[in-house]
Amino acid sequence: MEMQFTSENFDKEVLGADRPVLVDFFATWCGPCKMMAPVVDALAEEYEGKAVVGKIDVDENSDIAARYGVMSIPTLVLFKNGEIAHKAIGVQSKASLKAAIDAAL
């Protein structure tokens, strides 16, 4: 199940996680973000128990978006041990995201 990250829980749930975390920086009005939603949902199910997959709304949590220099959405960032392990901007294939998560496991 995909998580909803916020400014309040980001440091604990993402940076403090004991496994890789894929964060989808998105906005509700963003067309390409809507295209990514089913891919992110599928990855959340597929990696349940192995990695954490979730989303953060850049409009509601602009401080986190600014912290990581997110200028375009969707931006997908994979964190491992609190550090950025992979960053992709724009619509991504499920295969490329799976490869990034697998490399971080």
N, C-alpha and C. Protein backbone atom coordinates (compact mmCIF):
# COMPACT_ATOMS: atom_id res chain seq x y z
N MET A 1 0.84 -1.19 0.00
CA MET A 1 0.00 0.00 0.00
C MET A 1 0.88 1.25 0.00
N GLU A 2 0.55 2.19 -0.86
CA GLU A 2 1.38 3.39 -0.93
C GLU A 2 1.11 4.31 0.25
N MET A 3 2.17 4.97 0.70
CA MET A 3 2.06 5.88 1.84
C MET A 3 1.84 7.30 1.33
N GLN A 4 1.26 8.12 2.19
CA GLN A 4 1.15 9.55 1.91
C GLN A 4 2.16 10.24 2.82
N PHE A 5 3.17 10.84 2.20
CA PHE A 5 4.18 11.56 2.98
C PHE A 5 3.78 13.02 3.10
N THR A 6 4.15 13.62 4.24
CA THR A 6 3.87 15.04 4.49
C THR A 6 5.11 15.66 5.12
N SER A 7 5.07 16.96 5.28
CA SER A 7 6.18 17.64 5.96
C SER A 7 6.35 17.09 7.38
N GLU A 8 5.23 16.68 7.99
CA GLU A 8 5.26 16.20 9.37
C GLU A 8 5.91 14.81 9.49
N ASN A 9 5.67 13.92 8.53
CA ASN A 9 6.17 12.56 8.69
C ASN A 9 7.36 12.21 7.79
N PHE A 10 7.78 13.13 6.92
CA PHE A 10 8.81 12.82 5.93
C PHE A 10 10.12 12.34 6.55
N ASP A 11 10.66 13.09 7.50
CA ASP A 11 11.96 12.72 8.08
C ASP A 11 11.91 11.34 8.73
N LYS A 12 10.83 11.05 9.44
CA LYS A 12 10.70 9.76 10.12
C LYS A 12 10.48 8.62 9.13
N GLU A 13 9.49 8.79 8.24
CA GLU A 13 9.07 7.70 7.35
C GLU A 13 9.99 7.48 6.16
N VAL A 14 10.66 8.55 5.70
CA VAL A 14 11.54 8.42 4.52
C VAL A 14 13.00 8.35 4.94
N LEU A 15 13.47 9.39 5.60
CA LEU A 15 14.90 9.44 5.94
C LEU A 15 15.25 8.43 7.03
N GLY A 16 14.29 8.10 7.90
CA GLY A 16 14.55 7.17 8.99
C GLY A 16 14.18 5.73 8.68
N ALA A 17 13.75 5.46 7.46
CA ALA A 17 13.29 4.11 7.10
C ALA A 17 14.45 3.12 7.08
N ASP A 18 14.13 1.87 7.41
CA ASP A 18 15.16 0.82 7.42
C ASP A 18 15.22 0.06 6.10
N ARG A 19 14.53 0.57 5.09
CA ARG A 19 14.57 -0.04 3.75
C ARG A 19 14.43 1.08 2.72
N PRO A 20 14.67 0.79 1.44
CA PRO A 20 14.57 1.84 0.43
C PRO A 20 13.16 2.44 0.37
N VAL A 21 13.10 3.73 0.06
CA VAL A 21 11.81 4.43 -0.03
C VAL A 21 11.75 5.19 -1.35
N LEU A 22 10.73 4.87 -2.16
CA LEU A 22 10.51 5.60 -3.41
C LEU A 22 9.44 6.66 -3.14
N VAL A 23 9.80 7.91 -3.40
CA VAL A 23 8.88 9.02 -3.17
C VAL A 23 8.50 9.65 -4.51
N ASP A 24 7.19 9.71 -4.76
CA ASP A 24 6.65 10.34 -5.95
C ASP A 24 6.24 11.76 -5.56
N PHE A 25 7.00 12.76 -6.03
CA PHE A 25 6.64 14.16 -5.81
C PHE A 25 5.62 14.52 -6.90
N PHE A 26 4.39 14.86 -6.50
CA PHE A 26 3.31 15.07 -7.47
C PHE A 26 2.43 16.24 -7.06
N ALA A 27 1.49 16.58 -7.96
CA ALA A 27 0.42 17.54 -7.64
C ALA A 27 -0.87 17.01 -8.25
N THR A 28 -1.98 17.33 -7.62
CA THR A 28 -3.27 16.80 -8.07
C THR A 28 -3.65 17.31 -9.46
N TRP A 29 -3.16 18.48 -9.86
CA TRP A 29 -3.52 19.08 -11.14
C TRP A 29 -2.60 18.64 -12.29
N CYS A 30 -1.59 17.85 -11.99
CA CYS A 30 -0.53 17.51 -12.96
C CYS A 30 -0.91 16.27 -13.79
N GLY A 31 -1.08 16.47 -15.10
CA GLY A 31 -1.44 15.37 -16.00
C GLY A 31 -0.45 14.21 -15.99
N PRO A 32 0.86 14.48 -16.21
CA PRO A 32 1.84 13.39 -16.19
C PRO A 32 1.88 12.67 -14.83
N CYS A 33 1.59 13.40 -13.75
CA CYS A 33 1.54 12.76 -12.42
C CYS A 33 0.41 11.73 -12.38
N LYS A 34 -0.71 12.09 -12.99
CA LYS A 34 -1.85 11.16 -13.03
C LYS A 34 -1.49 9.91 -13.83
N MET A 35 -0.65 10.08 -14.87
CA MET A 35 -0.20 8.93 -15.65
C MET A 35 0.70 8.02 -14.81
N MET A 36 1.45 8.60 -13.90
CA MET A 36 2.37 7.82 -13.06
C MET A 36 1.65 7.10 -11.93
N ALA A 37 0.47 7.59 -11.54
CA ALA A 37 -0.22 7.05 -10.36
C ALA A 37 -0.41 5.53 -10.39
N PRO A 38 -0.88 4.93 -11.51
CA PRO A 38 -1.05 3.47 -11.50
C PRO A 38 0.26 2.72 -11.38
N VAL A 39 1.34 3.29 -11.92
CA VAL A 39 2.66 2.66 -11.83
C VAL A 39 3.14 2.68 -10.38
N VAL A 40 2.97 3.82 -9.73
CA VAL A 40 3.38 3.95 -8.32
C VAL A 40 2.55 3.01 -7.45
N ASP A 41 1.25 2.93 -7.72
CA ASP A 41 0.38 2.01 -6.98
C ASP A 41 0.86 0.57 -7.14
N ALA A 42 1.16 0.18 -8.36
CA ALA A 42 1.59 -1.20 -8.64
C ALA A 42 2.91 -1.50 -7.94
N LEU A 43 3.84 -0.55 -7.95
CA LEU A 43 5.13 -0.75 -7.28
C LEU A 43 4.94 -0.88 -5.77
N ALA A 44 4.01 -0.09 -5.22
CA ALA A 44 3.74 -0.15 -3.78
C ALA A 44 3.29 -1.56 -3.40
N GLU A 45 2.42 -2.14 -4.22
CA GLU A 45 1.94 -3.50 -3.94
C GLU A 45 3.06 -4.52 -4.11
N GLU A 46 3.79 -4.39 -5.22
CA GLU A 46 4.82 -5.37 -5.57
C GLU A 46 5.95 -5.42 -4.54
N TYR A 47 6.30 -4.26 -3.99
CA TYR A 47 7.45 -4.19 -3.08
C TYR A 47 7.04 -4.13 -1.61
N GLU A 48 5.77 -4.39 -1.32
CA GLU A 48 5.31 -4.36 0.06
C GLU A 48 6.16 -5.29 0.92
N GLY A 49 6.68 -4.75 2.03
CA GLY A 49 7.53 -5.54 2.91
C GLY A 49 9.01 -5.47 2.56
N LYS A 50 9.33 -5.03 1.33
CA LYS A 50 10.73 -4.95 0.90
C LYS A 50 11.20 -3.51 0.78
N ALA A 51 10.29 -2.66 0.28
CA ALA A 51 10.59 -1.23 0.11
C ALA A 51 9.31 -0.46 0.41
N VAL A 52 9.46 0.82 0.69
CA VAL A 52 8.31 1.68 0.95
C VAL A 52 8.10 2.54 -0.30
N VAL A 53 6.86 2.65 -0.74
CA VAL A 53 6.54 3.48 -1.91
C VAL A 53 5.43 4.43 -1.49
N GLY A 54 5.62 5.70 -1.81
CA GLY A 54 4.60 6.67 -1.43
C GLY A 54 4.69 7.95 -2.23
N LYS A 55 3.77 8.87 -1.91
CA LYS A 55 3.66 10.13 -2.64
C LYS A 55 3.71 11.30 -1.67
N ILE A 56 4.16 12.43 -2.21
CA ILE A 56 4.08 13.67 -1.44
C ILE A 56 3.59 14.77 -2.37
N ASP A 57 2.54 15.45 -1.94
CA ASP A 57 1.93 16.53 -2.72
C ASP A 57 2.80 17.78 -2.59
N VAL A 58 3.37 18.24 -3.71
CA VAL A 58 4.30 19.37 -3.65
C VAL A 58 3.60 20.68 -3.30
N ASP A 59 2.31 20.78 -3.60
CA ASP A 59 1.58 22.01 -3.25
C ASP A 59 1.36 22.12 -1.75
N GLU A 60 1.09 20.98 -1.11
CA GLU A 60 0.83 20.98 0.33
C GLU A 60 2.11 20.87 1.15
N ASN A 61 3.19 20.43 0.54
CA ASN A 61 4.45 20.20 1.26
C ASN A 61 5.61 20.81 0.49
N SER A 62 5.47 22.09 0.16
CA SER A 62 6.47 22.75 -0.70
C SER A 62 7.84 22.83 -0.04
N ASP A 63 7.90 22.77 1.30
CA ASP A 63 9.19 22.82 1.99
C ASP A 63 10.03 21.58 1.65
N ILE A 64 9.39 20.43 1.57
CA ILE A 64 10.12 19.19 1.24
C ILE A 64 10.55 19.22 -0.22
N ALA A 65 9.65 19.67 -1.10
CA ALA A 65 9.99 19.78 -2.52
C ALA A 65 11.19 20.71 -2.70
N ALA A 66 11.19 21.83 -1.99
CA ALA A 66 12.29 22.78 -2.09
C ALA A 66 13.59 22.18 -1.55
N ARG A 67 13.49 21.42 -0.45
CA ARG A 67 14.67 20.81 0.17
C ARG A 67 15.41 19.92 -0.83
N TYR A 68 14.65 19.25 -1.70
CA TYR A 68 15.26 18.32 -2.66
C TYR A 68 15.30 18.88 -4.08
N GLY A 69 15.09 20.18 -4.22
CA GLY A 69 15.24 20.83 -5.52
C GLY A 69 14.27 20.35 -6.57
N VAL A 70 13.06 19.98 -6.16
CA VAL A 70 12.07 19.50 -7.11
C VAL A 70 11.47 20.70 -7.84
N MET A 71 11.79 20.82 -9.13
CA MET A 71 11.31 21.93 -9.95
C MET A 71 10.24 21.47 -10.94
N SER A 72 10.32 20.21 -11.35
CA SER A 72 9.37 19.65 -12.31
C SER A 72 8.71 18.44 -11.68
N ILE A 73 7.46 18.22 -12.02
CA ILE A 73 6.78 17.03 -11.52
C ILE A 73 6.19 16.27 -12.69
N PRO A 74 6.05 14.97 -12.59
CA PRO A 74 6.47 14.17 -11.43
C PRO A 74 7.99 14.05 -11.34
N THR A 75 8.48 14.04 -10.11
CA THR A 75 9.86 13.68 -9.83
C THR A 75 9.81 12.50 -8.88
N LEU A 76 10.53 11.45 -9.21
CA LEU A 76 10.57 10.25 -8.37
C LEU A 76 11.96 10.12 -7.78
N VAL A 77 12.01 10.07 -6.45
CA VAL A 77 13.29 10.01 -5.76
C VAL A 77 13.32 8.75 -4.90
N LEU A 78 14.38 7.98 -5.07
CA LEU A 78 14.57 6.78 -4.27
C LEU A 78 15.60 7.09 -3.18
N PHE A 79 15.18 6.91 -1.94
CA PHE A 79 16.06 7.14 -0.80
C PHE A 79 16.52 5.81 -0.24
N LYS A 80 17.79 5.74 0.14
CA LYS A 80 18.31 4.57 0.84
C LYS A 80 19.17 5.09 1.98
N ASN A 81 18.88 4.64 3.18
CA ASN A 81 19.59 5.10 4.38
C ASN A 81 19.59 6.62 4.49
N GLY A 82 18.48 7.25 4.12
CA GLY A 82 18.34 8.69 4.26
C GLY A 82 19.02 9.51 3.17
N GLU A 83 19.64 8.83 2.20
CA GLU A 83 20.34 9.52 1.11
C GLU A 83 19.64 9.24 -0.21
N ILE A 84 19.80 10.15 -1.17
CA ILE A 84 19.21 9.94 -2.49
C ILE A 84 20.04 8.89 -3.24
N ALA A 85 19.39 7.79 -3.62
CA ALA A 85 20.06 6.73 -4.37
C ALA A 85 19.76 6.84 -5.86
N HIS A 86 18.61 7.45 -6.19
CA HIS A 86 18.19 7.56 -7.60
C HIS A 86 17.18 8.69 -7.71
N LYS A 87 17.26 9.46 -8.79
CA LYS A 87 16.29 10.54 -9.00
C LYS A 87 15.91 10.55 -10.47
N ALA A 88 14.62 10.59 -10.75
CA ALA A 88 14.13 10.61 -12.12
C ALA A 88 13.05 11.67 -12.25
N ILE A 89 13.13 12.45 -13.32
CA ILE A 89 12.18 13.53 -13.55
C ILE A 89 11.32 13.20 -14.76
N GLY A 90 10.01 13.39 -14.62
CA GLY A 90 9.09 13.11 -15.72
C GLY A 90 8.53 11.70 -15.62
N VAL A 91 7.68 11.36 -16.57
CA VAL A 91 7.04 10.05 -16.57
C VAL A 91 8.11 8.98 -16.79
N GLN A 92 8.08 7.95 -15.94
CA GLN A 92 9.06 6.87 -15.99
C GLN A 92 8.36 5.55 -16.25
N SER A 93 9.08 4.62 -16.84
CA SER A 93 8.52 3.29 -17.04
C SER A 93 8.59 2.52 -15.73
N LYS A 94 7.68 1.59 -15.57
CA LYS A 94 7.70 0.75 -14.38
C LYS A 94 9.02 -0.02 -14.31
N ALA A 95 9.50 -0.48 -15.45
CA ALA A 95 10.74 -1.26 -15.51
C ALA A 95 11.94 -0.45 -14.99
N SER A 96 12.03 0.82 -15.36
CA SER A 96 13.18 1.63 -14.92
C SER A 96 13.12 1.88 -13.42
N LEU A 97 11.91 2.08 -12.89
CA LEU A 97 11.77 2.29 -11.44
C LEU A 97 12.05 0.99 -10.68
N LYS A 98 11.59 -0.12 -11.23
CA LYS A 98 11.88 -1.42 -10.59
C LYS A 98 13.39 -1.67 -10.54
N ALA A 99 14.08 -1.34 -11.61
CA ALA A 99 15.54 -1.53 -11.66
C ALA A 99 16.23 -0.70 -10.57
N ALA A 100 15.75 0.52 -10.37
CA ALA A 100 16.33 1.40 -9.34
C ALA A 100 16.06 0.84 -7.95
N ILE A 101 14.84 0.39 -7.71
CA ILE A 101 14.49 -0.17 -6.39
C ILE A 101 15.30 -1.45 -6.16
N ASP A 102 15.35 -2.33 -7.16
CA ASP A 102 16.09 -3.58 -7.02
C ASP A 102 17.56 -3.34 -6.70
N ALA A 103 18.14 -2.31 -7.33
CA ALA A 103 19.55 -1.98 -7.10
C ALA A 103 19.78 -1.51 -5.66
N ALA A 104 18.74 -0.94 -5.05
CA ALA A 104 18.86 -0.40 -3.69
C ALA A 104 18.56 -1.44 -2.61
N LEU A 105 17.95 -2.55 -3.00
CA LEU A 105 17.58 -3.56 -2.00
C LEU A 105 18.80 -4.30 -1.48
